[in-house]
Amino acid sequence: MGDSGGSLSGGVTGARVVCLGETMAVFVPAEAGPAEAVTAWTRTVGGAESNVASTLARLGVRSAWVSAVGADPFGRAVLAAVGSAGVDVSGVLVDPSRPTGLYVKESDAAGSPVRYYRRGSAASAMGPDTLDRLDLAGVEVIHISGITAALSPDCLALLWAVVDLPRTTHQVSFDLNWRPALWAGADPAVLRELADRADTVLVGADEAETVWGAKSPAEVRAVLPTPRTLVVKQGAVGATLLRHGLPEVFEPALAVEVVEPVGAGDAFAAGYLAAELAGSSPARALRCGHVRAATVLRTHHDVAEPLAADVVDRLVDVDAATWAATELTGFGDR
């Protein structure tokens, strides 16, 4: 990781899922009005991969988040927030020479505009040697996303190192997580190559059309023929799973009144991965993803407290007609 000389407590022993990527300090308006008129802001933290790790931990799946933060107040806040969710953060390097990244987010149910301030951040200096610092014994899934590929050449090299690891006991999960602002002036073609080297790929249908021109799950599969499992998230419509050797599976999304969409894709990924690790069927795993996504859609937060396990178990096992008629409200399902 460059020559940062940072400190790392080391290891992710005991984690079943390792999520690797940048998490930043986040500022959101604490009052209504356009951003230029807001005078009070709330500081929180946010990052796609740590969102997945935090949701997994809340679901009882031992998870670790691997990244780098600055030796600054924002870095300490990020470590405290992610660690407080029950995530192992011992694999996070604290870099004394580079800052923690941050972004500013406006809250909007139709999509929250985001402005990034992450150039030169500690996480952007991560490279393949990040893996040398980790004990991956017992890890079953390494979860990465296309965001990391855009941060720096070193970060891209790190993702190549991840997908090049021998698949002895673990699988690689890749979420496209398309962020057009990060790819301005750069060629995103590498995202197809990375995704096609993963074992499980999660991608939004809108992302797939924008990046690859693929307009259906079948077209996405044509772009990515190698991964064993492909999950295409089709927004409020539902999600389709394509797995080698099995028929295509589609599960409609739950009806939900959206408060804010940010973080829903990460929650879906966590719900899906947790169900897969528990041995659920493809259809049940998709439903678990939908439940987690709907829970986050009902909040202003990127990570939400999960519904009670018994409620989820009853919900995801209902018949197709009942599932299709279910709406998730702010107080549970009805």
C-alpha atoms as a PDB file:
ATOM      1  CA  MET A   1       0.000   0.000   0.000  1.00  0.00           C
ATOM      2  CA  GLY A   2       2.312   2.698  -1.268  1.00  0.00           C
ATOM      3  CA  ASP A   3       4.732   3.876   1.393  1.00  0.00           C
ATOM      4  CA  SER A   4       2.199   5.118   3.907  1.00  0.00           C
ATOM      5  CA  GLY A   5       3.862   3.479   6.902  1.00  0.00           C
ATOM      6  CA  GLY A   6       0.423   3.125   8.462  1.00  0.00           C
ATOM      7  CA  SER A   7      -0.603   0.931  11.344  1.00  0.00           C
ATOM      8  CA  LEU A   8      -2.718  -2.200  11.063  1.00  0.00           C
ATOM      9  CA  SER A   9      -3.800  -4.498  13.838  1.00  0.00           C
ATOM     10  CA  GLY A  10      -4.009  -7.240  11.201  1.00  0.00           C
ATOM     11  CA  GLY A  11      -6.083 -10.253  10.350  1.00  0.00           C
ATOM     12  CA  VAL A  12      -9.744 -10.974   9.821  1.00  0.00           C
ATOM     13  CA  THR A  13      -9.749 -14.312  11.630  1.00  0.00           C
ATOM     14  CA  GLY A  14     -13.233 -15.691  12.167  1.00  0.00           C
ATOM     15  CA  ALA A  15     -14.945 -13.686   9.425  1.00  0.00           C
ATOM     16  CA  ARG A  16     -17.041 -15.564   6.901  1.00  0.00           C
ATOM     17  CA  VAL A  17     -17.314 -12.565   4.572  1.00  0.00           C
ATOM     18  CA  VAL A  18     -14.634  -9.959   3.886  1.00  0.00           C
ATOM     19  CA  CYS A  19     -15.835  -6.717   2.268  1.00  0.00           C
ATOM     20  CA  LEU A  20     -13.102  -4.606   0.703  1.00  0.00           C
ATOM     21  CA  GLY A  21     -13.485  -0.958  -0.324  1.00  0.00           C
ATOM     22  CA  GLU A  22     -13.472   2.682   0.732  1.00  0.00           C
ATOM     23  CA  THR A  23     -15.733   4.180   3.384  1.00  0.00           C
ATOM     24  CA  MET A  24     -15.867   7.924   3.908  1.00  0.00           C
ATOM     25  CA  ALA A  25     -17.224  10.564   6.202  1.00  0.00           C
ATOM     26  CA  VAL A  26     -20.620  11.719   4.910  1.00  0.00           C
ATOM     27  CA  PHE A  27     -22.316  15.057   5.422  1.00  0.00           C
ATOM     28  CA  VAL A  28     -26.080  15.283   4.936  1.00  0.00           C
ATOM     29  CA  PRO A  29     -28.309  18.348   5.426  1.00  0.00           C
ATOM     30  CA  ALA A  30     -29.739  18.697   8.914  1.00  0.00           C
ATOM     31  CA  GLU A  31     -32.407  21.088   7.643  1.00  0.00           C
ATOM     32  CA  ALA A  32     -34.625  21.448   4.606  1.00  0.00           C
ATOM     33  CA  GLY A  33     -33.728  23.502   1.571  1.00  0.00           C
ATOM     34  CA  PRO A  34     -31.220  23.571  -1.287  1.00  0.00           C
ATOM     35  CA  ALA A  35     -27.662  22.634  -0.341  1.00  0.00           C
ATOM     36  CA  GLU A  36     -26.320  26.145  -0.889  1.00  0.00           C
ATOM     37  CA  ALA A  37     -28.748  27.484   1.706  1.00  0.00           C
ATOM     38  CA  VAL A  38     -28.177  24.770   4.328  1.00  0.00           C
ATOM     39  CA  THR A  39     -26.194  25.949   7.337  1.00  0.00           C
ATOM     40  CA  ALA A  40     -26.429  22.822   9.503  1.00  0.00           C
ATOM     41  CA  TRP A  41     -25.110  19.434   8.450  1.00  0.00           C
ATOM     42  CA  THR A  42     -25.045  16.013  10.093  1.00  0.00           C
ATOM     43  CA  ARG A  43     -21.892  13.931   9.865  1.00  0.00           C
ATOM     44  CA  THR A  44     -22.260  10.193   9.363  1.00  0.00           C
ATOM     45  CA  VAL A  45     -20.262   7.595   7.433  1.00  0.00           C
ATOM     46  CA  GLY A  46     -20.906   5.717   4.220  1.00  0.00           C
ATOM     47  CA  GLY A  47     -19.351   3.205   1.876  1.00  0.00           C
ATOM     48  CA  ALA A  48     -20.843   0.441  -0.243  1.00  0.00           C
ATOM     49  CA  GLU A  49     -18.663  -2.377   1.038  1.00  0.00           C
ATOM     50  CA  SER A  50     -18.858  -1.431   4.708  1.00  0.00           C
ATOM     51  CA  ASN A  51     -22.643  -1.107   4.281  1.00  0.00           C
ATOM     52  CA  VAL A  52     -22.703  -4.743   3.164  1.00  0.00           C
ATOM     53  CA  ALA A  53     -20.445  -5.799   6.043  1.00  0.00           C
ATOM     54  CA  SER A  54     -22.546  -3.904   8.589  1.00  0.00           C
ATOM     55  CA  THR A  55     -25.812  -5.409   7.370  1.00  0.00           C
ATOM     56  CA  LEU A  56     -24.293  -8.890   7.338  1.00  0.00           C
ATOM     57  CA  ALA A  57     -23.122  -8.418  10.930  1.00  0.00           C
ATOM     58  CA  ARG A  58     -26.606  -7.317  11.952  1.00  0.00           C
ATOM     59  CA  LEU A  59     -27.923 -10.498  10.348  1.00  0.00           C
ATOM     60  CA  GLY A  60     -25.566 -12.609  12.430  1.00  0.00           C
ATOM     61  CA  VAL A  61     -22.991 -13.308   9.708  1.00  0.00           C
ATOM     62  CA  ARG A  62     -19.440 -12.722  10.893  1.00  0.00           C
ATOM     63  CA  SER A  63     -18.024 -10.064   8.593  1.00  0.00           C
ATOM     64  CA  ALA A  64     -14.899  -7.966   8.221  1.00  0.00           C
ATOM     65  CA  TRP A  65     -14.288  -4.720   6.417  1.00  0.00           C
ATOM     66  CA  VAL A  66     -10.852  -4.125   4.858  1.00  0.00           C
ATOM     67  CA  SER A  67      -9.796  -0.634   3.817  1.00  0.00           C
ATOM     68  CA  ALA A  68      -7.638   2.341   4.797  1.00  0.00           C
ATOM     69  CA  VAL A  69      -8.509   5.573   6.583  1.00  0.00           C
ATOM     70  CA  GLY A  70      -6.543   8.628   7.550  1.00  0.00           C
ATOM     71  CA  ALA A  71      -5.113   9.192  11.012  1.00  0.00           C
ATOM     72  CA  ASP A  72      -7.669  11.934  11.514  1.00  0.00           C
ATOM     73  CA  PRO A  73     -11.005  12.485  13.276  1.00  0.00           C
ATOM     74  CA  PHE A  74     -12.985  11.316  10.246  1.00  0.00           C
ATOM     75  CA  GLY A  75     -10.971   8.102  10.088  1.00  0.00           C
ATOM     76  CA  ARG A  76     -11.592   7.455  13.767  1.00  0.00           C
ATOM     77  CA  ALA A  77     -15.303   8.140  13.258  1.00  0.00           C
ATOM     78  CA  VAL A  78     -15.452   5.676  10.353  1.00  0.00           C
ATOM     79  CA  LEU A  79     -13.710   2.939  12.336  1.00  0.00           C
ATOM     80  CA  ALA A  80     -15.969   3.520  15.331  1.00  0.00           C
ATOM     81  CA  ALA A  81     -19.160   3.489  13.258  1.00  0.00           C
ATOM     82  CA  VAL A  82     -18.389   0.354  11.280  1.00  0.00           C
ATOM     83  CA  GLY A  83     -16.953  -1.434  14.297  1.00  0.00           C
ATOM     84  CA  SER A  84     -20.011  -0.597  16.390  1.00  0.00           C
ATOM     85  CA  ALA A  85     -22.136  -2.575  13.916  1.00  0.00           C
ATOM     86  CA  GLY A  86     -20.240  -5.690  14.932  1.00  0.00           C
ATOM     87  CA  VAL A  87     -17.886  -5.697  11.958  1.00  0.00           C
ATOM     88  CA  ASP A  88     -14.233  -6.748  12.351  1.00  0.00           C
ATOM     89  CA  VAL A  89     -12.202  -3.652  11.390  1.00  0.00           C
ATOM     90  CA  SER A  90      -8.787  -5.058  12.323  1.00  0.00           C
ATOM     91  CA  GLY A  91      -7.871  -5.229   8.634  1.00  0.00           C
ATOM     92  CA  VAL A  92      -8.201  -1.452   8.180  1.00  0.00           C
ATOM     93  CA  LEU A  93      -4.914   0.416   7.823  1.00  0.00           C
ATOM     94  CA  VAL A  94      -4.605   3.834   9.478  1.00  0.00           C
ATOM     95  CA  ASP A  95      -2.542   5.988   7.126  1.00  0.00           C
ATOM     96  CA  PRO A  96      -0.683   8.911   8.762  1.00  0.00           C
ATOM     97  CA  SER A  97       0.054  10.694   5.498  1.00  0.00           C
ATOM     98  CA  ARG A  98      -3.248  10.605   3.617  1.00  0.00           C
ATOM     99  CA  PRO A  99      -6.727  11.805   4.641  1.00  0.00           C
ATOM    100  CA  THR A 100      -9.996   9.986   5.044  1.00  0.00           C
ATOM    101  CA  GLY A 101     -12.242  10.640   2.046  1.00  0.00           C
ATOM    102  CA  LEU A 102     -15.552  12.418   2.442  1.00  0.00           C
ATOM    103  CA  TYR A 103     -18.671  13.191   0.466  1.00  0.00           C
ATOM    104  CA  VAL A 104     -21.679  15.453   0.717  1.00  0.00           C
ATOM    105  CA  LYS A 105     -25.135  14.021   0.060  1.00  0.00           C
ATOM    106  CA  GLU A 106     -28.465  15.711  -0.496  1.00  0.00           C
ATOM    107  CA  SER A 107     -31.445  13.599   0.558  1.00  0.00           C
ATOM    108  CA  ASP A 108     -34.075  12.957  -2.103  1.00  0.00           C
ATOM    109  CA  ALA A 109     -36.473  10.045  -2.628  1.00  0.00           C
ATOM    110  CA  ALA A 110     -35.864  10.243  -6.378  1.00  0.00           C
ATOM    111  CA  GLY A 111     -32.083   9.896  -5.921  1.00  0.00           C
ATOM    112  CA  SER A 112     -29.634  11.719  -3.702  1.00  0.00           C
ATOM    113  CA  PRO A 113     -27.057  13.961  -5.453  1.00  0.00           C
ATOM    114  CA  VAL A 114     -23.566  13.268  -4.137  1.00  0.00           C
ATOM    115  CA  ARG A 115     -20.335  15.271  -4.308  1.00  0.00           C
ATOM    116  CA  TYR A 116     -17.122  13.372  -3.619  1.00  0.00           C
ATOM    117  CA  TYR A 117     -13.957  14.705  -2.006  1.00  0.00           C
ATOM    118  CA  ARG A 118     -11.810  11.578  -2.113  1.00  0.00           C
ATOM    119  CA  ARG A 119      -8.879  12.260  -4.430  1.00  0.00           C
ATOM    120  CA  GLY A 120      -5.665  11.281  -2.679  1.00  0.00           C
ATOM    121  CA  SER A 121      -7.516   9.572   0.151  1.00  0.00           C
ATOM    122  CA  ALA A 122      -5.962   6.855   2.263  1.00  0.00           C
ATOM    123  CA  ALA A 123      -8.146   4.208   0.653  1.00  0.00           C
ATOM    124  CA  SER A 124      -7.135   5.273  -2.854  1.00  0.00           C
ATOM    125  CA  ALA A 125      -3.573   4.182  -1.990  1.00  0.00           C
ATOM    126  CA  MET A 126      -4.586   0.564  -1.379  1.00  0.00           C
ATOM    127  CA  GLY A 127      -2.781  -1.897  -3.611  1.00  0.00           C
ATOM    128  CA  PRO A 128      -2.271  -5.653  -3.999  1.00  0.00           C
ATOM    129  CA  ASP A 129      -0.103  -5.752  -0.879  1.00  0.00           C
ATOM    130  CA  THR A 130      -3.309  -5.159   1.112  1.00  0.00           C
ATOM    131  CA  LEU A 131      -3.973  -8.874   0.740  1.00  0.00           C
ATOM    132  CA  ASP A 132      -0.531  -9.748   2.118  1.00  0.00           C
ATOM    133  CA  ARG A 133      -1.548  -8.199   5.436  1.00  0.00           C
ATOM    134  CA  LEU A 134      -4.638 -10.370   5.874  1.00  0.00           C
ATOM    135  CA  ASP A 135      -5.321 -13.831   7.212  1.00  0.00           C
ATOM    136  CA  LEU A 136      -8.095 -15.151   4.982  1.00  0.00           C
ATOM    137  CA  ALA A 137      -8.331 -18.576   6.609  1.00  0.00           C
ATOM    138  CA  GLY A 138     -11.982 -19.536   6.960  1.00  0.00           C
ATOM    139  CA  VAL A 139     -13.259 -16.734   4.731  1.00  0.00           C
ATOM    140  CA  GLU A 140     -16.053 -17.952   2.454  1.00  0.00           C
ATOM    141  CA  VAL A 141     -16.783 -14.797   0.440  1.00  0.00           C
ATOM    142  CA  ILE A 142     -14.699 -11.782  -0.552  1.00  0.00           C
ATOM    143  CA  HIS A 143     -17.062  -8.998  -1.597  1.00  0.00           C
ATOM    144  CA  ILE A 144     -15.787  -6.198  -3.840  1.00  0.00           C
ATOM    145  CA  SER A 145     -17.313  -3.584  -6.121  1.00  0.00           C
ATOM    146  CA  GLY A 146     -16.599  -1.564  -9.217  1.00  0.00           C
ATOM    147  CA  ILE A 147     -16.214   1.579  -7.110  1.00  0.00           C
ATOM    148  CA  THR A 148     -12.766   0.493  -5.948  1.00  0.00           C
ATOM    149  CA  ALA A 149     -11.610  -0.062  -9.527  1.00  0.00           C
ATOM    150  CA  ALA A 150     -12.108   3.645 -10.262  1.00  0.00           C
ATOM    151  CA  LEU A 151     -10.214   5.062  -7.286  1.00  0.00           C
ATOM    152  CA  SER A 152      -6.651   4.648  -8.550  1.00  0.00           C
ATOM    153  CA  PRO A 153      -4.411   2.336 -10.606  1.00  0.00           C
ATOM    154  CA  ASP A 154      -3.256   0.750  -7.321  1.00  0.00           C
ATOM    155  CA  CYS A 155      -6.843   0.046  -6.297  1.00  0.00           C
ATOM    156  CA  LEU A 156      -7.559  -1.497  -9.687  1.00  0.00           C
ATOM    157  CA  ALA A 157      -4.479  -3.694  -9.247  1.00  0.00           C
ATOM    158  CA  LEU A 158      -5.855  -4.735  -5.855  1.00  0.00           C
ATOM    159  CA  LEU A 159      -9.102  -5.914  -7.423  1.00  0.00           C
ATOM    160  CA  TRP A 160      -7.173  -7.882 -10.025  1.00  0.00           C
ATOM    161  CA  ALA A 161      -5.244  -9.503  -7.183  1.00  0.00           C
ATOM    162  CA  VAL A 162      -8.536 -10.433  -5.488  1.00  0.00           C
ATOM    163  CA  VAL A 163     -10.028 -12.097  -8.564  1.00  0.00           C
ATOM    164  CA  ASP A 164      -6.702 -13.837  -9.222  1.00  0.00           C
ATOM    165  CA  LEU A 165      -6.617 -15.487  -5.783  1.00  0.00           C
ATOM    166  CA  PRO A 166      -6.921 -19.286  -5.940  1.00  0.00           C
ATOM    167  CA  ARG A 167     -10.522 -20.300  -5.193  1.00  0.00           C
ATOM    168  CA  THR A 168      -9.844 -22.929  -2.573  1.00  0.00           C
ATOM    169  CA  THR A 169     -12.321 -22.143   0.196  1.00  0.00           C
ATOM    170  CA  HIS A 170     -13.755 -18.779  -0.819  1.00  0.00           C
ATOM    171  CA  GLN A 171     -15.836 -17.231  -3.589  1.00  0.00           C
ATOM    172  CA  VAL A 172     -15.652 -13.701  -4.995  1.00  0.00           C
ATOM    173  CA  SER A 173     -18.782 -11.549  -5.027  1.00  0.00           C
ATOM    174  CA  PHE A 174     -18.712  -8.488  -7.301  1.00  0.00           C
ATOM    175  CA  ASP A 175     -21.270  -5.662  -7.263  1.00  0.00           C
ATOM    176  CA  LEU A 176     -20.955  -3.343 -10.264  1.00  0.00           C
ATOM    177  CA  ASN A 177     -21.944  -0.268  -8.222  1.00  0.00           C
ATOM    178  CA  TRP A 178     -21.698   2.055 -11.201  1.00  0.00           C
ATOM    179  CA  ARG A 179     -20.651   5.582 -10.211  1.00  0.00           C
ATOM    180  CA  PRO A 180     -20.401   7.667 -13.421  1.00  0.00           C
ATOM    181  CA  ALA A 181     -18.660  10.579 -11.675  1.00  0.00           C
ATOM    182  CA  LEU A 182     -15.751   8.293 -10.813  1.00  0.00           C
ATOM    183  CA  TRP A 183     -15.298   7.185 -14.404  1.00  0.00           C
ATOM    184  CA  ALA A 184     -15.285  10.603 -16.066  1.00  0.00           C
ATOM    185  CA  GLY A 185     -12.494  10.500 -18.625  1.00  0.00           C
ATOM    186  CA  ALA A 186     -11.682   6.851 -17.867  1.00  0.00           C
ATOM    187  CA  ASP A 187     -12.572   3.640 -19.664  1.00  0.00           C
ATOM    188  CA  PRO A 188     -14.994   1.440 -17.679  1.00  0.00           C
ATOM    189  CA  ALA A 189     -14.403  -1.539 -19.990  1.00  0.00           C
ATOM    190  CA  VAL A 190     -12.333  -3.105 -17.233  1.00  0.00           C
ATOM    191  CA  LEU A 191     -15.519  -3.555 -15.189  1.00  0.00           C
ATOM    192  CA  ARG A 192     -16.711  -6.252 -17.569  1.00  0.00           C
ATOM    193  CA  GLU A 193     -13.397  -8.076 -17.288  1.00  0.00           C
ATOM    194  CA  LEU A 194     -13.417  -7.910 -13.493  1.00  0.00           C
ATOM    195  CA  ALA A 195     -17.051  -8.960 -13.216  1.00  0.00           C
ATOM    196  CA  ASP A 196     -16.528 -11.911 -15.530  1.00  0.00           C
ATOM    197  CA  ARG A 197     -13.784 -13.206 -13.211  1.00  0.00           C
ATOM    198  CA  ALA A 198     -16.099 -13.244 -10.167  1.00  0.00           C
ATOM    199  CA  ASP A 199     -18.203 -16.157  -8.944  1.00  0.00           C
ATOM    200  CA  THR A 200     -21.292 -14.085  -8.092  1.00  0.00           C
ATOM    201  CA  VAL A 201     -22.149 -10.795  -9.795  1.00  0.00           C
ATOM    202  CA  LEU A 202     -24.825  -8.360  -8.651  1.00  0.00           C
ATOM    203  CA  VAL A 203     -25.784  -5.614 -11.067  1.00  0.00           C
ATOM    204  CA  GLY A 204     -28.666  -3.190 -11.485  1.00  0.00           C
ATOM    205  CA  ALA A 205     -30.514  -3.492 -14.776  1.00  0.00           C
ATOM    206  CA  ASP A 206     -30.114   0.249 -15.338  1.00  0.00           C
ATOM    207  CA  GLU A 207     -26.373  -0.001 -14.675  1.00  0.00           C
ATOM    208  CA  ALA A 208     -25.983  -2.913 -17.073  1.00  0.00           C
ATOM    209  CA  GLU A 209     -27.721  -1.000 -19.843  1.00  0.00           C
ATOM    210  CA  THR A 210     -25.629   2.124 -19.245  1.00  0.00           C
ATOM    211  CA  VAL A 211     -22.250   0.394 -19.000  1.00  0.00           C
ATOM    212  CA  TRP A 212     -22.685  -2.612 -21.272  1.00  0.00           C
ATOM    213  CA  GLY A 213     -25.753  -1.838 -23.392  1.00  0.00           C
ATOM    214  CA  ALA A 214     -27.436  -4.974 -22.006  1.00  0.00           C
ATOM    215  CA  LYS A 215     -31.204  -4.488 -21.809  1.00  0.00           C
ATOM    216  CA  SER A 216     -32.317  -7.797 -20.266  1.00  0.00           C
ATOM    217  CA  PRO A 217     -30.962 -10.411 -17.882  1.00  0.00           C
ATOM    218  CA  ALA A 218     -30.244 -12.662 -20.859  1.00  0.00           C
ATOM    219  CA  GLU A 219     -28.193  -9.901 -22.477  1.00  0.00           C
ATOM    220  CA  VAL A 220     -26.300  -9.332 -19.240  1.00  0.00           C
ATOM    221  CA  ARG A 221     -25.505 -13.050 -19.164  1.00  0.00           C
ATOM    222  CA  ALA A 222     -24.202 -12.784 -22.723  1.00  0.00           C
ATOM    223  CA  VAL A 223     -21.840 -10.029 -21.561  1.00  0.00           C
ATOM    224  CA  LEU A 224     -20.799 -12.051 -18.479  1.00  0.00           C
ATOM    225  CA  PRO A 225     -20.803 -15.745 -19.446  1.00  0.00           C
ATOM    226  CA  THR A 226     -18.368 -16.969 -16.786  1.00  0.00           C
ATOM    227  CA  PRO A 227     -19.737 -16.211 -13.273  1.00  0.00           C
ATOM    228  CA  ARG A 228     -21.636 -19.110 -11.756  1.00  0.00           C
ATOM    229  CA  THR A 229     -24.355 -16.800 -10.447  1.00  0.00           C
ATOM    230  CA  LEU A 230     -25.642 -13.554 -11.916  1.00  0.00           C
ATOM    231  CA  VAL A 231     -28.225 -11.446 -10.075  1.00  0.00           C
ATOM    232  CA  VAL A 232     -29.826  -8.636 -12.070  1.00  0.00           C
ATOM    233  CA  LYS A 233     -31.647  -6.144  -9.834  1.00  0.00           C
ATOM    234  CA  GLN A 234     -34.579  -4.607 -11.714  1.00  0.00           C
ATOM    235  CA  GLY A 235     -35.524  -1.876  -9.265  1.00  0.00           C
ATOM    236  CA  ALA A 236     -39.127  -1.822  -8.101  1.00  0.00           C
ATOM    237  CA  VAL A 237     -39.938  -4.643 -10.540  1.00  0.00           C
ATOM    238  CA  GLY A 238     -37.848  -7.335  -8.868  1.00  0.00           C
ATOM    239  CA  ALA A 239     -34.669  -9.313  -9.442  1.00  0.00           C
ATOM    240  CA  THR A 240     -33.640 -12.150 -11.733  1.00  0.00           C
ATOM    241  CA  LEU A 241     -31.088 -14.832 -10.908  1.00  0.00           C
ATOM    242  CA  LEU A 242     -29.266 -16.784 -13.585  1.00  0.00           C
ATOM    243  CA  ARG A 243     -27.106 -19.705 -12.462  1.00  0.00           C
ATOM    244  CA  HIS A 244     -25.301 -22.196 -14.615  1.00  0.00           C
ATOM    245  CA  GLY A 245     -27.246 -25.440 -14.753  1.00  0.00           C
ATOM    246  CA  LEU A 246     -30.470 -24.040 -13.272  1.00  0.00           C
ATOM    247  CA  PRO A 247     -33.598 -22.389 -14.749  1.00  0.00           C
ATOM    248  CA  GLU A 248     -33.837 -18.609 -14.541  1.00  0.00           C
ATOM    249  CA  VAL A 249     -35.462 -17.400 -11.310  1.00  0.00           C
ATOM    250  CA  PHE A 250     -37.389 -14.134 -10.900  1.00  0.00           C
ATOM    251  CA  GLU A 251     -38.789 -12.707  -7.678  1.00  0.00           C
ATOM    252  CA  PRO A 252     -40.786  -9.455  -7.598  1.00  0.00           C
ATOM    253  CA  ALA A 253     -39.709  -6.697  -5.242  1.00  0.00           C
ATOM    254  CA  LEU A 254     -41.782  -5.777  -2.219  1.00  0.00           C
ATOM    255  CA  ALA A 255     -43.973  -2.704  -2.501  1.00  0.00           C
ATOM    256  CA  VAL A 256     -42.499   0.111  -0.412  1.00  0.00           C
ATOM    257  CA  GLU A 257     -42.850   3.866  -0.113  1.00  0.00           C
ATOM    258  CA  VAL A 258     -39.335   5.110  -0.776  1.00  0.00           C
ATOM    259  CA  VAL A 259     -37.823   7.615   1.624  1.00  0.00           C
ATOM    260  CA  GLU A 260     -34.354   7.502   0.080  1.00  0.00           C
ATOM    261  CA  PRO A 261     -32.752   4.924  -2.260  1.00  0.00           C
ATOM    262  CA  VAL A 262     -29.082   5.175  -1.245  1.00  0.00           C
ATOM    263  CA  GLY A 263     -27.829   1.973   0.366  1.00  0.00           C
ATOM    264  CA  ALA A 264     -30.651  -0.251  -0.860  1.00  0.00           C
ATOM    265  CA  GLY A 265     -28.426  -2.096  -3.312  1.00  0.00           C
ATOM    266  CA  ASP A 266     -25.892  -2.817  -0.581  1.00  0.00           C
ATOM    267  CA  ALA A 267     -28.662  -4.080   1.706  1.00  0.00           C
ATOM    268  CA  PHE A 268     -29.919  -6.336  -1.077  1.00  0.00           C
ATOM    269  CA  ALA A 269     -26.417  -7.741  -1.557  1.00  0.00           C
ATOM    270  CA  ALA A 270     -26.064  -8.448   2.156  1.00  0.00           C
ATOM    271  CA  GLY A 271     -29.474 -10.093   2.422  1.00  0.00           C
ATOM    272  CA  TYR A 272     -28.794 -12.210  -0.627  1.00  0.00           C
ATOM    273  CA  LEU A 273     -25.303 -13.267   0.495  1.00  0.00           C
ATOM    274  CA  ALA A 274     -26.490 -14.102   4.019  1.00  0.00           C
ATOM    275  CA  ALA A 275     -29.228 -16.316   2.613  1.00  0.00           C
ATOM    276  CA  GLU A 276     -26.798 -18.013   0.237  1.00  0.00           C
ATOM    277  CA  LEU A 277     -24.427 -18.758   3.097  1.00  0.00           C
ATOM    278  CA  ALA A 278     -27.359 -20.237   5.014  1.00  0.00           C
ATOM    279  CA  GLY A 279     -28.083 -22.614   2.139  1.00  0.00           C
ATOM    280  CA  SER A 280     -31.298 -20.964   0.946  1.00  0.00           C
ATOM    281  CA  SER A 281     -32.768 -21.653  -2.463  1.00  0.00           C
ATOM    282  CA  PRO A 282     -32.173 -19.029  -5.180  1.00  0.00           C
ATOM    283  CA  ALA A 283     -35.774 -17.777  -4.895  1.00  0.00           C
ATOM    284  CA  ARG A 284     -35.577 -17.446  -1.115  1.00  0.00           C
ATOM    285  CA  ALA A 285     -32.191 -15.703  -1.354  1.00  0.00           C
ATOM    286  CA  LEU A 286     -33.670 -13.149  -3.764  1.00  0.00           C
ATOM    287  CA  ARG A 287     -36.575 -12.534  -1.399  1.00  0.00           C
ATOM    288  CA  CYS A 288     -34.172 -12.034   1.495  1.00  0.00           C
ATOM    289  CA  GLY A 289     -32.357  -9.459  -0.606  1.00  0.00           C
ATOM    290  CA  HIS A 290     -35.629  -7.685  -1.354  1.00  0.00           C
ATOM    291  CA  VAL A 291     -36.584  -7.553   2.331  1.00  0.00           C
ATOM    292  CA  ARG A 292     -33.269  -5.960   3.314  1.00  0.00           C
ATOM    293  CA  ALA A 293     -33.422  -3.483   0.440  1.00  0.00           C
ATOM    294  CA  ALA A 294     -36.994  -2.472   1.306  1.00  0.00           C
ATOM    295  CA  THR A 295     -36.000  -1.904   4.931  1.00  0.00           C
ATOM    296  CA  VAL A 296     -33.306   0.572   3.893  1.00  0.00           C
ATOM    297  CA  LEU A 297     -35.579   2.269   1.355  1.00  0.00           C
ATOM    298  CA  ARG A 298     -37.846   3.186   4.267  1.00  0.00           C
ATOM    299  CA  THR A 299     -35.080   5.218   5.980  1.00  0.00           C
ATOM    300  CA  HIS A 300     -32.659   8.091   5.410  1.00  0.00           C
ATOM    301  CA  HIS A 301     -29.793   5.784   6.405  1.00  0.00           C
ATOM    302  CA  ASP A 302     -27.499   3.607   4.296  1.00  0.00           C
ATOM    303  CA  VAL A 303     -27.765   0.791   6.869  1.00  0.00           C
ATOM    304  CA  ALA A 304     -30.971  -0.008   8.753  1.00  0.00           C
ATOM    305  CA  GLU A 305     -31.796  -2.285  11.644  1.00  0.00           C
ATOM    306  CA  PRO A 306     -33.131  -5.542  10.196  1.00  0.00           C
ATOM    307  CA  LEU A 307     -36.634  -6.790  10.773  1.00  0.00           C
ATOM    308  CA  ALA A 308     -36.975  -9.485  13.408  1.00  0.00           C
ATOM    309  CA  ALA A 309     -35.748 -12.835  12.120  1.00  0.00           C
ATOM    310  CA  ASP A 310     -39.080 -14.565  12.741  1.00  0.00           C
ATOM    311  CA  VAL A 311     -40.905 -11.883  10.737  1.00  0.00           C
ATOM    312  CA  VAL A 312     -38.501 -12.300   7.828  1.00  0.00           C
ATOM    313  CA  ASP A 313     -38.745 -16.093   7.945  1.00  0.00           C
ATOM    314  CA  ARG A 314     -42.537 -15.954   7.744  1.00  0.00           C
ATOM    315  CA  LEU A 315     -42.446 -13.348   5.009  1.00  0.00           C
ATOM    316  CA  VAL A 316     -39.953 -14.944   2.618  1.00  0.00           C
ATOM    317  CA  ASP A 317     -41.692 -18.329   2.793  1.00  0.00           C
ATOM    318  CA  VAL A 318     -45.196 -17.175   1.818  1.00  0.00           C
ATOM    319  CA  ASP A 319     -46.804 -18.219  -1.462  1.00  0.00           C
ATOM    320  CA  ALA A 320     -46.230 -16.178  -4.605  1.00  0.00           C
ATOM    321  CA  ALA A 321     -49.560 -14.342  -4.464  1.00  0.00           C
ATOM    322  CA  THR A 322     -49.087 -13.276  -0.849  1.00  0.00           C
ATOM    323  CA  TRP A 323     -45.531 -12.142  -1.525  1.00  0.00           C
ATOM    324  CA  ALA A 324     -46.605 -10.065  -4.522  1.00  0.00           C
ATOM    325  CA  ALA A 325     -49.339  -8.385  -2.440  1.00  0.00           C
ATOM    326  CA  THR A 326     -47.079  -7.522   0.504  1.00  0.00           C
ATOM    327  CA  GLU A 327     -46.105  -3.924   1.228  1.00  0.00           C
ATOM    328  CA  LEU A 328     -43.360  -3.021   3.677  1.00  0.00           C
ATOM    329  CA  THR A 329     -44.315  -0.032   5.797  1.00  0.00           C
ATOM    330  CA  GLY A 330     -42.355   1.897   8.390  1.00  0.00           C
ATOM    331  CA  PHE A 331     -43.568  -0.535  11.040  1.00  0.00           C
ATOM    332  CA  GLY A 332     -43.010  -3.845   9.304  1.00  0.00           C
ATOM    333  CA  ASP A 333     -44.946  -5.773   6.680  1.00  0.00           C
ATOM    334  CA  ARG A 334     -48.644  -5.874   6.044  1.00  0.00           C
END
